[in-house]
Structure formats: C-alpha cells, structure tokens
Amino acid sequence: MASDGTFTADELVAAMSARKVEIFSVTDHDTLAAYDILRRDGADVAAIAPATLVPGVEINTTYRGNEVHILGYGFDLGRSKLRSVIEENRRSRGERAQKMVDMLNRAGHPVSIDAVRAEGSEDAPLGRPHVAKALVRGGMTKDVATAFRDFLSPGGPGYVPSHHILPRDAIAAVAQSGGVPVLAHPGRLKDETLIEELVEAGLVGLEVFYPTHGAAQVERYRDLAAQYGLVMTAGSDFHDPRYNARGVGMEVDADDIRPFLDLILS
C-alpha cells in the first residue's frame, strides 16, 4: 500500500471487507507509513469488523547472495529500534534507485529519479517496481514484467544488486520492538540452508502458507517449522490486482496458525 502496492487505504479496506478477512496486517516493504495513512485518510477500518489489525512490516535484507525478507508482526509502532533499521534500508533503496537511473541514462534510456519517485506514494521506499513503472510510463517498455526482464534483472542495463541490512539485524530489531520475526516466502530463497542460521539468530516464525507455494513446499515448510520449533504463518503478498489475481487474504486452517495468533494477539 505505501511501498509498491497500488491500492489506497480505502480500496484495501474495501477489498478485505468483501473477502471477509478476519485478521490482517499491512506488511509494506521497509515502511510503516500504511498505519499513518489508515489514520490520516480516515479509512473505515471498522468496516471490516470484527477483523483485527496487527502492526506489520516486511524488511528487505541480503545475506549470502539471497534476498531475505523478514516479516515483523505485533510490534510496538513507537519503538525506535525498528524504525532505525527501516530508515537504514530506505537510504540504501534510494541510493540503489539513483544508480539504476544513472545506468539506464548511460544506456540511452531517459528515465529520471523524479519519474521514479512519482510512481510511489509520498516518501515511499524506492525499489525496482517503481523504476519499472517509470520505464513503462515513459514508453520505453510495454509492461512491468518486461521492464524487469529486459532492464532490471542481472545482465540488464539498469540492474543494480540490492544491498540491505543483514537478516539477523532485522530479526533483532523486530524482537526488540516487542514483535514476532518471521521469514517470508521461503520458497523464493536461493539457499534454504540459511534458515537454520536465522533460527539461531532468533527467528520465531515461517511463512508456510503463501500463494506460490505448491503442496509439496507447504509440507516441507511444515516439517521445517516443526523441526525448528517455529510458528507457521500465512500471507497473500498482495500488491496489485493486476499481478495477484487471488486478491487479498488467504484461507488457512485456524489450527495451523493458532500458535502464531496466540503470540501476536496475547
């Protein structure tokens, strides 16, 4: 919503109301602005009553050649430690976006950093999706998927590797802010062996239920959660209805995520 999603606060609330979502969290990348927006814009969160809103965030980290996304749930929104690591990532994201723009310009693709910023909400942490949308709007490619493939992936003229904080730092920040640190979409990791290291660093949960996890993956992550004593979580990873036809929310057996809910709702 406040990072690389496209729904306004009201649109998101309306979609969750239509889906009859019971418990939800807005886990934008490297920003907590969604919670300010929900309050500022007067979005009727009560419209999805008896839904429960849980503070959440998705922190981008990098480690051993992997992009590792750490989810935080149920933390104190006022804790400075979490906000400081988010701000560190925001600075890194801004520097990376500027480098992508510079490289694209040198390759003959006239996109500006202002055009990139215009693709996000106010003060949104910048990322490749914003650059991709600027390329599309500027007529340099037909759609976001093509922009990623032809311009912003390894070997492309605008590719810049991400460089974020370490996952252990994100895990610590979430824990120190009173929250539950969870590894997002493990099926997208290049190297699943690092999960054990994350557990040793204080990881508490594993996002077992995820739209692109097949049945075999779900069972594997169930087993890993049991092996390491992690609670299981679920997430729709909804960004935009054009790219996530399943929409907001996921239907999950309550027994599967009750241990997680006990942690964040107690």
C-alpha atoms as a PDB file:
ATOM      1  CA  MET A   1       0.000   0.000   0.000  1.00  0.00           C
ATOM      2  CA  ALA A   2       2.687   2.525   0.989  1.00  0.00           C
ATOM      3  CA  SER A   3       5.645   0.816  -0.675  1.00  0.00           C
ATOM      4  CA  ASP A   4       4.992  -0.876  -4.037  1.00  0.00           C
ATOM      5  CA  GLY A   5       1.280  -1.645  -3.819  1.00  0.00           C
ATOM      6  CA  THR A   6      -1.334   0.314  -5.757  1.00  0.00           C
ATOM      7  CA  PHE A   7      -4.451   0.255  -3.566  1.00  0.00           C
ATOM      8  CA  THR A   8      -5.359   3.273  -1.469  1.00  0.00           C
ATOM      9  CA  ALA A   9      -6.254   2.729   2.174  1.00  0.00           C
ATOM     10  CA  ASP A  10      -9.975   2.781   1.367  1.00  0.00           C
ATOM     11  CA  GLU A  11      -9.567   0.374  -1.551  1.00  0.00           C
ATOM     12  CA  LEU A  12      -7.586  -2.056   0.568  1.00  0.00           C
ATOM     13  CA  VAL A  13     -10.121  -1.961   3.382  1.00  0.00           C
ATOM     14  CA  ALA A  14     -12.969  -2.447   0.908  1.00  0.00           C
ATOM     15  CA  ALA A  15     -11.236  -5.460  -0.646  1.00  0.00           C
ATOM     16  CA  MET A  16     -10.685  -7.050   2.758  1.00  0.00           C
ATOM     17  CA  SER A  17     -14.283  -6.376   3.729  1.00  0.00           C
ATOM     18  CA  ALA A  18     -15.513  -8.082   0.551  1.00  0.00           C
ATOM     19  CA  ARG A  19     -13.255 -11.074   1.235  1.00  0.00           C
ATOM     20  CA  LYS A  20     -14.422 -11.163   4.882  1.00  0.00           C
ATOM     21  CA  VAL A  21     -10.865 -11.073   6.163  1.00  0.00           C
ATOM     22  CA  GLU A  22     -10.809 -11.678   9.936  1.00  0.00           C
ATOM     23  CA  ILE A  23      -7.220 -10.817  10.888  1.00  0.00           C
ATOM     24  CA  PHE A  24      -4.958  -8.680   8.756  1.00  0.00           C
ATOM     25  CA  SER A  25      -1.647  -6.868   8.664  1.00  0.00           C
ATOM     26  CA  VAL A  26      -0.275  -4.417   6.115  1.00  0.00           C
ATOM     27  CA  THR A  27       3.328  -5.519   5.619  1.00  0.00           C
ATOM     28  CA  ASP A  28       4.782  -2.900   3.300  1.00  0.00           C
ATOM     29  CA  HIS A  29       8.451  -3.099   2.389  1.00  0.00           C
ATOM     30  CA  ASP A  30      10.654  -1.027   4.686  1.00  0.00           C
ATOM     31  CA  THR A  31       7.991   1.424   5.810  1.00  0.00           C
ATOM     32  CA  LEU A  32       5.328   1.771   8.483  1.00  0.00           C
ATOM     33  CA  ALA A  33       3.576   4.606   6.656  1.00  0.00           C
ATOM     34  CA  ALA A  34       0.476   2.488   5.963  1.00  0.00           C
ATOM     35  CA  TYR A  35      -0.595   2.833   9.578  1.00  0.00           C
ATOM     36  CA  ASP A  36      -0.307   6.618   9.417  1.00  0.00           C
ATOM     37  CA  ILE A  37      -2.208   6.607   6.109  1.00  0.00           C
ATOM     38  CA  LEU A  38      -5.028   4.490   7.503  1.00  0.00           C
ATOM     39  CA  ARG A  39      -5.484   7.002  10.285  1.00  0.00           C
ATOM     40  CA  ARG A  40      -4.905  10.139   8.212  1.00  0.00           C
ATOM     41  CA  ASP A  41      -7.176   9.217   5.299  1.00  0.00           C
ATOM     42  CA  GLY A  42      -9.957   8.109   7.614  1.00  0.00           C
ATOM     43  CA  ALA A  43     -10.227   4.677   6.036  1.00  0.00           C
ATOM     44  CA  ASP A  44     -13.068   2.904   7.814  1.00  0.00           C
ATOM     45  CA  VAL A  45     -11.175   0.013   9.339  1.00  0.00           C
ATOM     46  CA  ALA A  46     -14.328  -0.703  11.336  1.00  0.00           C
ATOM     47  CA  ALA A  47     -15.948  -1.629   8.025  1.00  0.00           C
ATOM     48  CA  ILE A  48     -14.189  -4.971   8.215  1.00  0.00           C
ATOM     49  CA  ALA A  49     -15.188  -5.640  11.805  1.00  0.00           C
ATOM     50  CA  PRO A  50     -14.711  -7.973  13.536  1.00  0.00           C
ATOM     51  CA  ALA A  51     -11.355  -8.023  11.749  1.00  0.00           C
ATOM     52  CA  THR A  52      -8.289  -7.438  13.879  1.00  0.00           C
ATOM     53  CA  LEU A  53      -5.487  -5.179  12.644  1.00  0.00           C
ATOM     54  CA  VAL A  54      -1.982  -6.318  13.599  1.00  0.00           C
ATOM     55  CA  PRO A  55       1.004  -3.994  13.053  1.00  0.00           C
ATOM     56  CA  GLY A  56       3.320  -5.451  10.447  1.00  0.00           C
ATOM     57  CA  VAL A  57       6.244  -4.743   8.145  1.00  0.00           C
ATOM     58  CA  GLU A  58       8.403  -6.596   5.609  1.00  0.00           C
ATOM     59  CA  ILE A  59      12.087  -5.765   5.969  1.00  0.00           C
ATOM     60  CA  ASN A  60      14.333  -6.412   2.984  1.00  0.00           C
ATOM     61  CA  THR A  61      17.685  -7.941   3.883  1.00  0.00           C
ATOM     62  CA  THR A  62      20.509  -9.550   1.947  1.00  0.00           C
ATOM     63  CA  TYR A  63      22.692 -12.450   3.005  1.00  0.00           C
ATOM     64  CA  ARG A  64      24.931 -14.961   1.205  1.00  0.00           C
ATOM     65  CA  GLY A  65      23.616 -13.949  -2.202  1.00  0.00           C
ATOM     66  CA  ASN A  66      19.995 -14.219  -1.106  1.00  0.00           C
ATOM     67  CA  GLU A  67      17.309 -11.595  -0.827  1.00  0.00           C
ATOM     68  CA  VAL A  68      15.844 -12.487   2.562  1.00  0.00           C
ATOM     69  CA  HIS A  69      12.605 -10.804   3.585  1.00  0.00           C
ATOM     70  CA  ILE A  70      11.913 -10.676   7.303  1.00  0.00           C
ATOM     71  CA  LEU A  71       8.337 -10.031   8.391  1.00  0.00           C
ATOM     72  CA  GLY A  72       7.626  -8.420  11.725  1.00  0.00           C
ATOM     73  CA  TYR A  73       4.232  -8.711  13.419  1.00  0.00           C
ATOM     74  CA  GLY A  74       2.634  -7.386  16.577  1.00  0.00           C
ATOM     75  CA  PHE A  75       5.372  -4.912  17.493  1.00  0.00           C
ATOM     76  CA  ASP A  76       5.112  -1.537  19.186  1.00  0.00           C
ATOM     77  CA  LEU A  77       4.826   1.037  16.397  1.00  0.00           C
ATOM     78  CA  GLY A  78       6.649   3.575  18.534  1.00  0.00           C
ATOM     79  CA  ARG A  79       9.837   1.593  19.143  1.00  0.00           C
ATOM     80  CA  SER A  80      12.845   3.445  17.721  1.00  0.00           C
ATOM     81  CA  LYS A  81      14.997   0.364  17.028  1.00  0.00           C
ATOM     82  CA  LEU A  82      12.664  -0.926  14.327  1.00  0.00           C
ATOM     83  CA  ARG A  83      12.318   2.488  12.758  1.00  0.00           C
ATOM     84  CA  SER A  84      16.105   2.920  12.662  1.00  0.00           C
ATOM     85  CA  VAL A  85      16.726  -0.264  10.645  1.00  0.00           C
ATOM     86  CA  ILE A  86      13.874   0.667   8.326  1.00  0.00           C
ATOM     87  CA  GLU A  87      15.440   4.084   7.776  1.00  0.00           C
ATOM     88  CA  GLU A  88      18.803   2.460   7.030  1.00  0.00           C
ATOM     89  CA  ASN A  89      17.147   0.345   4.350  1.00  0.00           C
ATOM     90  CA  ARG A  90      15.329   3.385   2.951  1.00  0.00           C
ATOM     91  CA  ARG A  91      18.653   5.140   2.440  1.00  0.00           C
ATOM     92  CA  SER A  92      20.058   2.066   0.710  1.00  0.00           C
ATOM     93  CA  ARG A  93      16.984   1.818  -1.503  1.00  0.00           C
ATOM     94  CA  GLY A  94      17.260   5.461  -2.528  1.00  0.00           C
ATOM     95  CA  GLU A  95      20.928   5.089  -3.434  1.00  0.00           C
ATOM     96  CA  ARG A  96      20.178   1.944  -5.442  1.00  0.00           C
ATOM     97  CA  ALA A  97      17.330   3.623  -7.344  1.00  0.00           C
ATOM     98  CA  GLN A  98      19.599   6.541  -8.265  1.00  0.00           C
ATOM     99  CA  LYS A  99      22.269   4.124  -9.526  1.00  0.00           C
ATOM    100  CA  MET A 100      19.670   2.314 -11.650  1.00  0.00           C
ATOM    101  CA  VAL A 101      18.541   5.614 -13.150  1.00  0.00           C
ATOM    102  CA  ASP A 102      22.147   6.644 -13.872  1.00  0.00           C
ATOM    103  CA  MET A 103      22.916   3.336 -15.570  1.00  0.00           C
ATOM    104  CA  LEU A 104      19.728   3.448 -17.636  1.00  0.00           C
ATOM    105  CA  ASN A 105      20.539   7.003 -18.728  1.00  0.00           C
ATOM    106  CA  ARG A 106      24.038   5.966 -19.806  1.00  0.00           C
ATOM    107  CA  ALA A 107      22.482   3.142 -21.822  1.00  0.00           C
ATOM    108  CA  GLY A 108      20.224   5.583 -23.644  1.00  0.00           C
ATOM    109  CA  HIS A 109      17.010   5.162 -21.648  1.00  0.00           C
ATOM    110  CA  PRO A 110      15.978   8.636 -20.413  1.00  0.00           C
ATOM    111  CA  VAL A 111      14.247   7.994 -17.110  1.00  0.00           C
ATOM    112  CA  SER A 112      14.612  10.414 -14.190  1.00  0.00           C
ATOM    113  CA  ILE A 113      14.688   9.855 -10.447  1.00  0.00           C
ATOM    114  CA  ASP A 114      11.717  12.228 -10.161  1.00  0.00           C
ATOM    115  CA  ALA A 115       9.735   9.994 -12.526  1.00  0.00           C
ATOM    116  CA  VAL A 116      10.659   7.014 -10.357  1.00  0.00           C
ATOM    117  CA  ARG A 117       9.556   8.796  -7.174  1.00  0.00           C
ATOM    118  CA  ALA A 118       6.267   9.726  -8.838  1.00  0.00           C
ATOM    119  CA  GLU A 119       5.401   6.028  -9.109  1.00  0.00           C
ATOM    120  CA  GLY A 120       5.246   5.624  -5.320  1.00  0.00           C
ATOM    121  CA  SER A 121       3.279   7.201  -2.546  1.00  0.00           C
ATOM    122  CA  GLU A 122       4.740  10.123  -0.655  1.00  0.00           C
ATOM    123  CA  ASP A 123       8.088   9.163   0.893  1.00  0.00           C
ATOM    124  CA  ALA A 124       7.691   5.552  -0.293  1.00  0.00           C
ATOM    125  CA  PRO A 125      10.914   3.494  -0.065  1.00  0.00           C
ATOM    126  CA  LEU A 126      12.030   3.128  -3.669  1.00  0.00           C
ATOM    127  CA  GLY A 127      12.597  -0.204  -5.379  1.00  0.00           C
ATOM    128  CA  ARG A 128      12.765  -1.866  -8.758  1.00  0.00           C
ATOM    129  CA  PRO A 129       8.952  -1.830  -9.185  1.00  0.00           C
ATOM    130  CA  HIS A 130       8.995   1.974  -9.142  1.00  0.00           C
ATOM    131  CA  VAL A 131      11.770   2.100 -11.740  1.00  0.00           C
ATOM    132  CA  ALA A 132       9.916  -0.462 -13.851  1.00  0.00           C
ATOM    133  CA  LYS A 133       6.696   1.560 -13.736  1.00  0.00           C
ATOM    134  CA  ALA A 134       8.586   4.719 -14.713  1.00  0.00           C
ATOM    135  CA  LEU A 135      10.034   2.894 -17.723  1.00  0.00           C
ATOM    136  CA  VAL A 136       6.558   1.790 -18.753  1.00  0.00           C
ATOM    137  CA  ARG A 137       5.058   5.253 -18.281  1.00  0.00           C
ATOM    138  CA  GLY A 138       7.934   6.737 -20.291  1.00  0.00           C
ATOM    139  CA  GLY A 139       7.152   4.432 -23.219  1.00  0.00           C
ATOM    140  CA  MET A 140      10.438   2.540 -23.004  1.00  0.00           C
ATOM    141  CA  THR A 141       8.825  -0.865 -22.458  1.00  0.00           C
ATOM    142  CA  LYS A 142       5.342  -2.328 -22.604  1.00  0.00           C
ATOM    143  CA  ASP A 143       4.769  -3.543 -19.043  1.00  0.00           C
ATOM    144  CA  VAL A 144       6.366  -4.052 -15.645  1.00  0.00           C
ATOM    145  CA  ALA A 145       7.233  -7.710 -16.256  1.00  0.00           C
ATOM    146  CA  THR A 146       9.088  -6.808 -19.451  1.00  0.00           C
ATOM    147  CA  ALA A 147      10.865  -3.942 -17.693  1.00  0.00           C
ATOM    148  CA  PHE A 148      12.153  -6.351 -15.062  1.00  0.00           C
ATOM    149  CA  ARG A 149      13.223  -8.884 -17.673  1.00  0.00           C
ATOM    150  CA  ASP A 150      14.879  -6.554 -20.155  1.00  0.00           C
ATOM    151  CA  PHE A 151      16.178  -3.724 -17.985  1.00  0.00           C
ATOM    152  CA  LEU A 152      16.315  -4.525 -14.272  1.00  0.00           C
ATOM    153  CA  SER A 153      17.441  -8.153 -13.941  1.00  0.00           C
ATOM    154  CA  PRO A 154      21.050  -9.389 -13.889  1.00  0.00           C
ATOM    155  CA  GLY A 155      22.645  -8.520 -17.222  1.00  0.00           C
ATOM    156  CA  GLY A 156      20.167  -5.726 -17.886  1.00  0.00           C
ATOM    157  CA  PRO A 157      21.290  -2.118 -18.421  1.00  0.00           C
ATOM    158  CA  GLY A 158      19.694  -0.925 -15.175  1.00  0.00           C
ATOM    159  CA  TYR A 159      20.433  -3.833 -12.867  1.00  0.00           C
ATOM    160  CA  VAL A 160      21.970  -2.935  -9.521  1.00  0.00           C
ATOM    161  CA  PRO A 161      22.284  -5.645  -6.839  1.00  0.00           C
ATOM    162  CA  SER A 162      20.380  -4.923  -3.665  1.00  0.00           C
ATOM    163  CA  HIS A 163      22.356  -4.202  -0.528  1.00  0.00           C
ATOM    164  CA  HIS A 164      20.242  -4.126   2.585  1.00  0.00           C
ATOM    165  CA  ILE A 165      20.849  -4.826   6.256  1.00  0.00           C
ATOM    166  CA  LEU A 166      21.568  -8.375   7.425  1.00  0.00           C
ATOM    167  CA  PRO A 167      18.629 -10.612   8.344  1.00  0.00           C
ATOM    168  CA  ARG A 168      19.905 -11.069  11.891  1.00  0.00           C
ATOM    169  CA  ASP A 169      19.716  -7.289  12.370  1.00  0.00           C
ATOM    170  CA  ALA A 170      16.117  -7.209  11.142  1.00  0.00           C
ATOM    171  CA  ILE A 171      15.213 -10.138  13.392  1.00  0.00           C
ATOM    172  CA  ALA A 172      16.766  -8.407  16.386  1.00  0.00           C
ATOM    173  CA  ALA A 173      15.004  -5.117  15.629  1.00  0.00           C
ATOM    174  CA  VAL A 174      11.600  -6.793  15.429  1.00  0.00           C
ATOM    175  CA  ALA A 175      12.192  -8.745  18.645  1.00  0.00           C
ATOM    176  CA  GLN A 176      13.479  -5.677  20.497  1.00  0.00           C
ATOM    177  CA  SER A 177      10.340  -3.828  19.427  1.00  0.00           C
ATOM    178  CA  GLY A 178       8.139  -6.475  21.007  1.00  0.00           C
ATOM    179  CA  GLY A 179       7.257  -8.211  17.752  1.00  0.00           C
ATOM    180  CA  VAL A 180       7.416 -11.670  16.193  1.00  0.00           C
ATOM    181  CA  PRO A 181      10.080 -12.072  13.439  1.00  0.00           C
ATOM    182  CA  VAL A 182       9.034 -14.363  10.589  1.00  0.00           C
ATOM    183  CA  LEU A 183      10.805 -15.496   7.420  1.00  0.00           C
ATOM    184  CA  ALA A 184       8.697 -14.523   4.393  1.00  0.00           C
ATOM    185  CA  HIS A 185       8.058 -16.829   1.416  1.00  0.00           C
ATOM    186  CA  PRO A 186      10.897 -19.345   1.968  1.00  0.00           C
ATOM    187  CA  GLY A 187      10.099 -20.870  -1.411  1.00  0.00           C
ATOM    188  CA  ARG A 188      11.716 -17.858  -3.051  1.00  0.00           C
ATOM    189  CA  LEU A 189      15.070 -18.318  -1.334  1.00  0.00           C
ATOM    190  CA  LYS A 190      18.039 -19.397  -3.423  1.00  0.00           C
ATOM    191  CA  ASP A 191      19.524 -21.263  -0.476  1.00  0.00           C
ATOM    192  CA  GLU A 192      17.218 -22.729   2.159  1.00  0.00           C
ATOM    193  CA  THR A 193      20.124 -23.886   4.303  1.00  0.00           C
ATOM    194  CA  LEU A 194      20.357 -20.405   5.786  1.00  0.00           C
ATOM    195  CA  ILE A 195      17.051 -20.979   7.624  1.00  0.00           C
ATOM    196  CA  GLU A 196      18.936 -22.755  10.413  1.00  0.00           C
ATOM    197  CA  GLU A 197      21.161 -19.693  10.857  1.00  0.00           C
ATOM    198  CA  LEU A 198      18.109 -17.458  11.039  1.00  0.00           C
ATOM    199  CA  VAL A 199      16.645 -19.676  13.749  1.00  0.00           C
ATOM    200  CA  GLU A 200      19.877 -19.332  15.712  1.00  0.00           C
ATOM    201  CA  ALA A 201      19.570 -15.543  15.252  1.00  0.00           C
ATOM    202  CA  GLY A 202      16.123 -15.552  16.867  1.00  0.00           C
ATOM    203  CA  LEU A 203      13.661 -16.290  14.062  1.00  0.00           C
ATOM    204  CA  VAL A 204      10.276 -17.227  15.534  1.00  0.00           C
ATOM    205  CA  GLY A 205       8.043 -17.962  12.531  1.00  0.00           C
ATOM    206  CA  LEU A 206       7.974 -19.309   8.984  1.00  0.00           C
ATOM    207  CA  GLU A 207       5.544 -18.206   6.264  1.00  0.00           C
ATOM    208  CA  VAL A 208       4.416 -21.696   5.332  1.00  0.00           C
ATOM    209  CA  PHE A 209       1.219 -20.670   3.534  1.00  0.00           C
ATOM    210  CA  TYR A 210       1.920 -18.460   0.529  1.00  0.00           C
ATOM    211  CA  PRO A 211       0.193 -18.170  -2.879  1.00  0.00           C
ATOM    212  CA  THR A 212       3.013 -19.685  -4.950  1.00  0.00           C
ATOM    213  CA  HIS A 213       3.968 -22.458  -2.513  1.00  0.00           C
ATOM    214  CA  GLY A 214       2.916 -25.778  -4.004  1.00  0.00           C
ATOM    215  CA  ALA A 215       1.572 -28.624  -1.889  1.00  0.00           C
ATOM    216  CA  ALA A 216       4.985 -30.262  -1.619  1.00  0.00           C
ATOM    217  CA  GLN A 217       6.553 -26.994  -0.477  1.00  0.00           C
ATOM    218  CA  VAL A 218       3.855 -26.442   2.136  1.00  0.00           C
ATOM    219  CA  GLU A 219       4.538 -29.875   3.578  1.00  0.00           C
ATOM    220  CA  ARG A 220       8.287 -29.258   3.538  1.00  0.00           C
ATOM    221  CA  TYR A 221       7.913 -25.968   5.376  1.00  0.00           C
ATOM    222  CA  ARG A 222       5.510 -27.558   7.837  1.00  0.00           C
ATOM    223  CA  ASP A 223       8.229 -30.061   8.616  1.00  0.00           C
ATOM    224  CA  LEU A 224      10.883 -27.344   8.920  1.00  0.00           C
ATOM    225  CA  ALA A 225       8.661 -25.330  11.237  1.00  0.00           C
ATOM    226  CA  ALA A 226       8.186 -28.381  13.433  1.00  0.00           C
ATOM    227  CA  GLN A 227      11.895 -29.226  13.314  1.00  0.00           C
ATOM    228  CA  TYR A 228      12.976 -25.779  14.468  1.00  0.00           C
ATOM    229  CA  GLY A 229      10.037 -25.003  16.740  1.00  0.00           C
ATOM    230  CA  LEU A 230       8.757 -22.163  14.567  1.00  0.00           C
ATOM    231  CA  VAL A 231       5.168 -20.947  14.418  1.00  0.00           C
ATOM    232  CA  MET A 232       3.537 -21.130  10.983  1.00  0.00           C
ATOM    233  CA  THR A 233       2.144 -18.021   9.300  1.00  0.00           C
ATOM    234  CA  ALA A 234       0.269 -17.142   6.114  1.00  0.00           C
ATOM    235  CA  GLY A 235       0.410 -14.190   3.744  1.00  0.00           C
ATOM    236  CA  SER A 236      -1.224 -13.277   0.444  1.00  0.00           C
ATOM    237  CA  ASP A 237       1.631 -10.929  -0.589  1.00  0.00           C
ATOM    238  CA  PHE A 238      -0.985  -8.798  -2.299  1.00  0.00           C
ATOM    239  CA  HIS A 239       0.497  -5.896  -4.208  1.00  0.00           C
ATOM    240  CA  ASP A 240      -1.801  -5.177  -7.113  1.00  0.00           C
ATOM    241  CA  PRO A 241      -4.917  -6.893  -8.523  1.00  0.00           C
ATOM    242  CA  ARG A 242      -3.298  -6.975 -11.967  1.00  0.00           C
ATOM    243  CA  TYR A 243      -0.443  -9.140 -10.716  1.00  0.00           C
ATOM    244  CA  ASN A 244      -2.137 -11.058  -7.901  1.00  0.00           C
ATOM    245  CA  ALA A 245      -5.449 -12.351  -9.191  1.00  0.00           C
ATOM    246  CA  ARG A 246      -6.096 -14.181  -5.913  1.00  0.00           C
ATOM    247  CA  GLY A 247      -6.620 -10.848  -4.212  1.00  0.00           C
ATOM    248  CA  VAL A 248      -6.241 -10.014  -0.545  1.00  0.00           C
ATOM    249  CA  GLY A 249      -6.302 -12.568   2.238  1.00  0.00           C
ATOM    250  CA  MET A 250      -5.785 -16.313   2.451  1.00  0.00           C
ATOM    251  CA  GLU A 251      -7.953 -19.064   3.820  1.00  0.00           C
ATOM    252  CA  VAL A 252      -5.970 -21.041   6.366  1.00  0.00           C
ATOM    253  CA  ASP A 253      -6.943 -23.674   8.905  1.00  0.00           C
ATOM    254  CA  ALA A 254      -7.153 -21.897  12.244  1.00  0.00           C
ATOM    255  CA  ASP A 255      -5.332 -24.732  13.997  1.00  0.00           C
ATOM    256  CA  ASP A 256      -2.307 -24.241  11.738  1.00  0.00           C
ATOM    257  CA  ILE A 257      -1.741 -20.622  12.706  1.00  0.00           C
ATOM    258  CA  ARG A 258      -3.203 -20.576  16.230  1.00  0.00           C
ATOM    259  CA  PRO A 259       0.269 -20.696  17.892  1.00  0.00           C
ATOM    260  CA  PHE A 260       1.226 -17.612  15.854  1.00  0.00           C
ATOM    261  CA  LEU A 261      -2.012 -15.820  16.706  1.00  0.00           C
ATOM    262  CA  ASP A 262      -1.504 -16.620  20.350  1.00  0.00           C
ATOM    263  CA  LEU A 263       1.816 -14.750  20.190  1.00  0.00           C
ATOM    264  CA  ILE A 264       0.593 -11.620  18.433  1.00  0.00           C
ATOM    265  CA  LEU A 265      -2.845 -11.299  19.998  1.00  0.00           C
ATOM    266  CA  SER A 266      -1.997 -12.105  23.606  1.00  0.00           C
END
